[in-house]
Amino acid sequence: MSVPGAAMAFSLRPLGLLGTLDHAVRLFVRTFAECLVTVLAVSGPFYVINTLLDRAAHAGMLDEGVAALCNILIFVCYFFLLVPLQQGIITPLLAAEYLGEPISRVEAFRLARARFWRLVRARLLRYVLVLAGLPVFLVLGMWLYVRYFFVEEVVILENTTPSRALGRSGQLSPHVFWMILLTSALFLAGSLAAFLHLDDMQDPMLRMSLEVALSVLLVPAELAVNCVLYFSARCRKEGFGDQVAAMRDEA
């Protein structure tokens, strides 16, 4: 990414938990419109197809076992294909805004398209490692989750390969270890509580509408926190804020 201009909106410095949340909320608000369109375009079809399958199963038009299998396959495609695309678009939007050089959604999409298959491989590699560690020991799985937390951000923002992104994430994540655990736990608890409550709803159309609304809020909010944590970790590890200030002075 290019050197941020003089209108940089956020101070690049190591942040504590409250500072991280403050920056993330402001970043979320400033990019909400662009993120809204992205989430609706990428995730919306997933929820529509899921709802149609559920309605077909309840109406007896489709065997419930077949519907359940289709839902699982669609979710796997969503998690490992649509989520990387969504993240590949939203993360550059957030990072550019955070550095004071906003870009358009079209520019972000071009970046996501260029890095898409690397993002897919990085996500697969990350979750294979995390899931491989969980059966051995819960703490090992959590440690691997935190260690490789920034893999996707590194692939997107530093334009590197998945294997190198693993090492780079391992260098950055220890600098914000506990904040990654805390923020991830908050999002996980909130998401589980909300979506479990939605499962009890009888009206599939209402449930789908609320699921989309939750995704529109939760996805950009979580990625905004991840973006702020990424830059905070870089500031702690390598003085990124000072580097940017020096480059601005030279420019």
Protein backbone atom coordinates (compact mmCIF):
# COMPACT_ATOMS: atom_id res chain seq x y z
CA MET A 1 0.00 0.00 0.00
CA SER A 2 1.22 3.53 -0.64
CA VAL A 3 2.37 6.01 1.95
CA PRO A 4 -0.53 7.56 3.88
CA GLY A 5 -1.09 11.26 3.31
CA ALA A 6 -1.34 14.07 5.78
CA ALA A 7 -5.02 13.45 6.41
CA MET A 8 -4.38 10.21 8.30
CA ALA A 9 -7.43 9.73 10.50
CA PHE A 10 -6.04 7.27 13.06
CA SER A 11 -2.88 7.43 15.13
CA LEU A 12 -0.57 4.53 14.35
CA ARG A 13 0.66 3.36 17.74
CA PRO A 14 0.46 0.33 20.02
CA LEU A 15 -3.04 0.15 21.52
CA GLY A 16 -4.55 -1.40 24.61
CA LEU A 17 -7.95 -3.10 24.64
CA LEU A 18 -9.98 0.10 25.05
CA GLY A 19 -7.97 1.91 22.38
CA THR A 20 -8.40 -1.03 20.01
CA LEU A 21 -12.16 -1.07 20.50
CA ASP A 22 -12.39 2.71 20.13
CA HIS A 23 -10.47 2.68 16.83
CA ALA A 24 -12.42 -0.35 15.59
CA VAL A 25 -15.80 1.27 16.29
CA ARG A 26 -14.81 4.46 14.48
CA LEU A 27 -13.39 2.47 11.57
CA PHE A 28 -16.57 0.37 11.40
CA VAL A 29 -18.77 3.48 11.27
CA ARG A 30 -16.68 5.16 8.58
CA THR A 31 -16.67 2.14 6.26
CA PHE A 32 -20.11 0.72 7.04
CA ALA A 33 -21.78 1.64 3.73
CA GLU A 34 -19.09 -0.06 1.61
CA CYS A 35 -19.01 -3.10 3.90
CA LEU A 36 -22.82 -3.36 3.85
CA VAL A 37 -22.90 -3.69 0.07
CA THR A 38 -20.07 -6.24 0.13
CA VAL A 39 -21.64 -8.48 2.77
CA LEU A 40 -25.05 -8.40 1.05
CA ALA A 41 -23.52 -9.23 -2.34
CA VAL A 42 -21.26 -12.04 -1.09
CA SER A 43 -23.15 -13.59 1.85
CA GLY A 44 -26.73 -12.84 0.84
CA PRO A 45 -27.04 -15.71 -1.70
CA PHE A 46 -25.75 -18.19 0.89
CA TYR A 47 -28.58 -17.35 3.31
CA VAL A 48 -31.18 -17.36 0.52
CA ILE A 49 -30.15 -20.85 -0.68
CA ASN A 50 -30.10 -22.18 2.89
CA THR A 51 -33.59 -20.84 3.51
CA LEU A 52 -34.95 -22.30 0.27
CA LEU A 53 -33.50 -25.73 1.15
CA ASP A 54 -35.08 -25.58 4.63
CA ARG A 55 -38.46 -24.64 3.21
CA ALA A 56 -38.26 -27.42 0.62
CA ALA A 57 -37.43 -29.97 3.34
CA HIS A 58 -40.27 -28.78 5.61
CA ALA A 59 -42.73 -28.89 2.71
CA GLY A 60 -41.76 -32.47 1.90
CA MET A 61 -40.34 -31.51 -1.49
CA LEU A 62 -36.85 -32.59 -0.46
CA ASP A 63 -35.64 -35.35 1.84
CA GLU A 64 -34.40 -33.88 5.13
CA GLY A 65 -31.16 -35.89 4.96
CA VAL A 66 -30.44 -34.59 1.46
CA ALA A 67 -31.26 -31.05 2.58
CA ALA A 68 -28.92 -31.37 5.57
CA LEU A 69 -26.11 -32.68 3.34
CA CYS A 70 -26.65 -29.84 0.87
CA ASN A 71 -26.55 -27.32 3.73
CA ILE A 72 -23.24 -28.75 4.95
CA LEU A 73 -21.70 -28.63 1.46
CA ILE A 74 -22.95 -25.09 0.91
CA PHE A 75 -21.55 -24.01 4.29
CA VAL A 76 -18.12 -25.48 3.45
CA CYS A 77 -18.12 -23.58 0.15
CA TYR A 78 -19.22 -20.43 1.97
CA PHE A 79 -16.56 -20.76 4.70
CA PHE A 80 -13.63 -21.52 2.40
CA LEU A 81 -14.61 -19.59 -0.74
CA LEU A 82 -17.08 -16.79 -0.03
CA VAL A 83 -15.61 -15.75 3.33
CA PRO A 84 -12.09 -15.28 1.83
CA LEU A 85 -13.60 -13.23 -1.01
CA GLN A 86 -15.57 -11.13 1.47
CA GLN A 87 -12.52 -10.63 3.67
CA GLY A 88 -10.37 -9.90 0.63
CA ILE A 89 -12.64 -6.99 -0.26
CA ILE A 90 -13.42 -5.59 3.19
CA THR A 91 -9.92 -5.77 4.71
CA PRO A 92 -8.31 -3.44 2.11
CA LEU A 93 -11.22 -1.02 2.54
CA LEU A 94 -10.65 -0.97 6.29
CA ALA A 95 -6.86 -0.76 6.09
CA ALA A 96 -6.90 2.04 3.52
CA GLU A 97 -9.34 4.05 5.64
CA TYR A 98 -7.26 3.38 8.75
CA LEU A 99 -4.11 4.65 7.03
CA GLY A 100 -5.86 7.75 5.73
CA GLU A 101 -6.00 6.78 2.05
CA PRO A 102 -9.53 5.50 1.35
CA ILE A 103 -10.04 3.34 -1.73
CA SER A 104 -13.19 2.42 -3.62
CA ARG A 105 -14.98 -0.90 -3.41
CA VAL A 106 -13.98 -1.56 -7.04
CA GLU A 107 -10.29 -1.16 -6.17
CA ALA A 108 -10.72 -3.43 -3.15
CA PHE A 109 -12.42 -6.05 -5.34
CA ARG A 110 -9.50 -5.98 -7.78
CA LEU A 111 -7.09 -6.62 -4.90
CA ALA A 112 -9.28 -9.46 -3.63
CA ARG A 113 -9.50 -11.01 -7.09
CA ALA A 114 -5.71 -10.91 -7.52
CA ARG A 115 -5.12 -12.59 -4.14
CA PHE A 116 -8.21 -14.81 -4.02
CA TRP A 117 -6.71 -18.28 -4.44
CA ARG A 118 -3.84 -17.46 -2.10
CA LEU A 119 -6.44 -16.37 0.45
CA VAL A 120 -8.35 -19.64 0.01
CA ARG A 121 -5.17 -21.69 0.49
CA ALA A 122 -4.16 -19.57 3.49
CA ARG A 123 -7.54 -20.07 5.16
CA LEU A 124 -7.48 -23.82 4.51
CA LEU A 125 -3.94 -24.11 5.85
CA ARG A 126 -4.73 -22.04 8.93
CA TYR A 127 -7.80 -24.01 9.95
CA VAL A 128 -6.23 -27.39 9.19
CA LEU A 129 -3.42 -26.52 11.61
CA VAL A 130 -5.82 -25.21 14.27
CA LEU A 131 -8.19 -28.18 14.00
CA ALA A 132 -5.25 -30.60 14.06
CA GLY A 133 -4.13 -29.08 17.37
CA LEU A 134 -7.54 -29.12 19.09
CA PRO A 135 -7.87 -32.93 19.52
CA VAL A 136 -4.37 -33.08 21.01
CA PHE A 137 -4.95 -30.40 23.59
CA LEU A 138 -7.43 -27.53 23.79
CA VAL A 139 -4.71 -25.07 24.81
CA LEU A 140 -2.60 -26.08 21.79
CA GLY A 141 -5.54 -25.42 19.47
CA MET A 142 -6.08 -21.99 21.05
CA TRP A 143 -2.38 -21.19 20.79
CA LEU A 144 -2.34 -22.14 17.10
CA TYR A 145 -5.49 -20.06 16.52
CA VAL A 146 -3.80 -16.97 17.99
CA ARG A 147 -0.42 -17.67 16.34
CA TYR A 148 -1.98 -17.79 12.87
CA PHE A 149 -4.61 -15.14 13.52
CA PHE A 150 -3.21 -12.64 10.99
CA VAL A 151 -2.58 -15.06 8.12
CA GLU A 152 -5.34 -13.63 5.92
CA GLU A 153 -4.46 -10.01 6.76
CA VAL A 154 -0.82 -10.65 5.83
CA VAL A 155 -1.77 -12.27 2.49
CA ILE A 156 -4.11 -9.38 1.65
CA LEU A 157 -2.13 -6.39 2.90
CA GLU A 158 1.45 -7.59 2.39
CA ASN A 159 0.78 -9.54 -0.82
CA THR A 160 2.68 -12.63 0.25
CA THR A 161 2.26 -16.41 -0.02
CA PRO A 162 0.28 -18.51 2.48
CA SER A 163 3.39 -20.27 3.79
CA ARG A 164 5.21 -16.99 4.40
CA ALA A 165 2.05 -15.50 5.90
CA LEU A 166 2.09 -18.26 8.54
CA GLY A 167 5.56 -17.22 9.68
CA ARG A 168 4.75 -13.53 9.53
CA SER A 169 1.58 -14.01 11.57
CA GLY A 170 3.60 -15.97 14.12
CA GLN A 171 5.88 -12.95 14.50
CA LEU A 172 3.07 -10.42 14.92
CA SER A 173 0.46 -12.22 17.03
CA PRO A 174 2.50 -12.54 20.27
CA HIS A 175 2.47 -8.74 20.55
CA VAL A 176 -1.33 -8.69 20.91
CA PHE A 177 -1.86 -12.25 22.21
CA TRP A 178 -4.35 -11.55 25.00
CA MET A 179 -6.30 -8.98 23.00
CA ILE A 180 -6.80 -11.55 20.22
CA LEU A 181 -8.15 -14.04 22.76
CA LEU A 182 -10.44 -11.49 24.43
CA THR A 183 -11.91 -9.98 21.26
CA SER A 184 -12.33 -13.42 19.63
CA ALA A 185 -14.12 -14.72 22.73
CA LEU A 186 -16.47 -11.71 22.71
CA PHE A 187 -17.39 -12.16 19.05
CA LEU A 188 -17.76 -15.92 19.40
CA ALA A 189 -20.05 -15.63 22.43
CA GLY A 190 -22.17 -12.91 20.82
CA SER A 191 -22.47 -14.75 17.50
CA LEU A 192 -23.38 -18.08 19.10
CA ALA A 193 -26.00 -16.50 21.36
CA ALA A 194 -27.59 -14.62 18.47
CA PHE A 195 -27.66 -17.44 15.93
CA LEU A 196 -28.81 -20.07 18.46
CA HIS A 197 -31.71 -17.80 19.33
CA LEU A 198 -32.55 -17.47 15.63
CA ASP A 199 -32.68 -21.26 15.25
CA ASP A 200 -35.79 -21.30 17.44
CA MET A 201 -37.73 -19.09 15.02
CA GLN A 202 -40.43 -20.83 13.02
CA ASP A 203 -40.69 -18.34 10.15
CA PRO A 204 -37.77 -19.11 7.78
CA MET A 205 -38.03 -15.78 5.92
CA LEU A 206 -37.87 -13.78 9.14
CA ARG A 207 -34.96 -15.91 10.34
CA MET A 208 -33.09 -15.38 7.06
CA SER A 209 -33.65 -11.61 7.24
CA LEU A 210 -32.30 -11.46 10.78
CA GLU A 211 -29.31 -13.68 9.90
CA VAL A 212 -28.38 -11.34 7.05
CA ALA A 213 -28.81 -8.31 9.33
CA LEU A 214 -26.52 -9.90 11.94
CA SER A 215 -23.91 -10.72 9.31
CA VAL A 216 -24.00 -7.15 8.02
CA LEU A 217 -23.14 -5.97 11.54
CA LEU A 218 -20.83 -8.72 12.81
CA VAL A 219 -18.60 -9.34 9.77
CA PRO A 220 -17.37 -5.74 9.28
CA ALA A 221 -17.13 -5.22 13.06
CA GLU A 222 -14.94 -8.30 13.52
CA LEU A 223 -12.75 -7.45 10.54
CA ALA A 224 -12.38 -3.88 11.81
CA VAL A 225 -11.09 -5.19 15.16
CA ASN A 226 -8.72 -7.57 13.33
CA CYS A 227 -7.42 -4.71 11.18
CA VAL A 228 -6.72 -2.50 14.20
CA LEU A 229 -5.03 -5.39 16.02
CA TYR A 230 -2.86 -6.07 12.97
CA PHE A 231 -1.56 -2.50 12.80
CA SER A 232 -1.17 -2.33 16.58
CA ALA A 233 0.96 -5.49 16.45
CA ARG A 234 3.09 -4.00 13.67
CA CYS A 235 3.57 -0.83 15.71
CA ARG A 236 4.69 -2.89 18.72
CA LYS A 237 6.99 -5.17 16.76
CA GLU A 238 8.58 -2.91 14.16
CA GLY A 239 7.63 0.69 14.91
CA PHE A 240 5.26 0.84 11.94
CA GLY A 241 3.89 4.24 12.96
CA ASP A 242 7.39 5.75 12.96
CA GLN A 243 8.12 4.15 9.57
CA VAL A 244 4.99 5.67 8.07
CA ALA A 245 5.80 9.09 9.56
CA ALA A 246 9.33 8.92 8.11
CA MET A 247 8.02 7.94 4.66
CA ARG A 248 5.54 10.81 4.77
CA ASP A 249 8.32 13.25 5.64
CA GLU A 250 10.45 11.95 2.76
CA ALA A 251 7.52 12.23 0.38
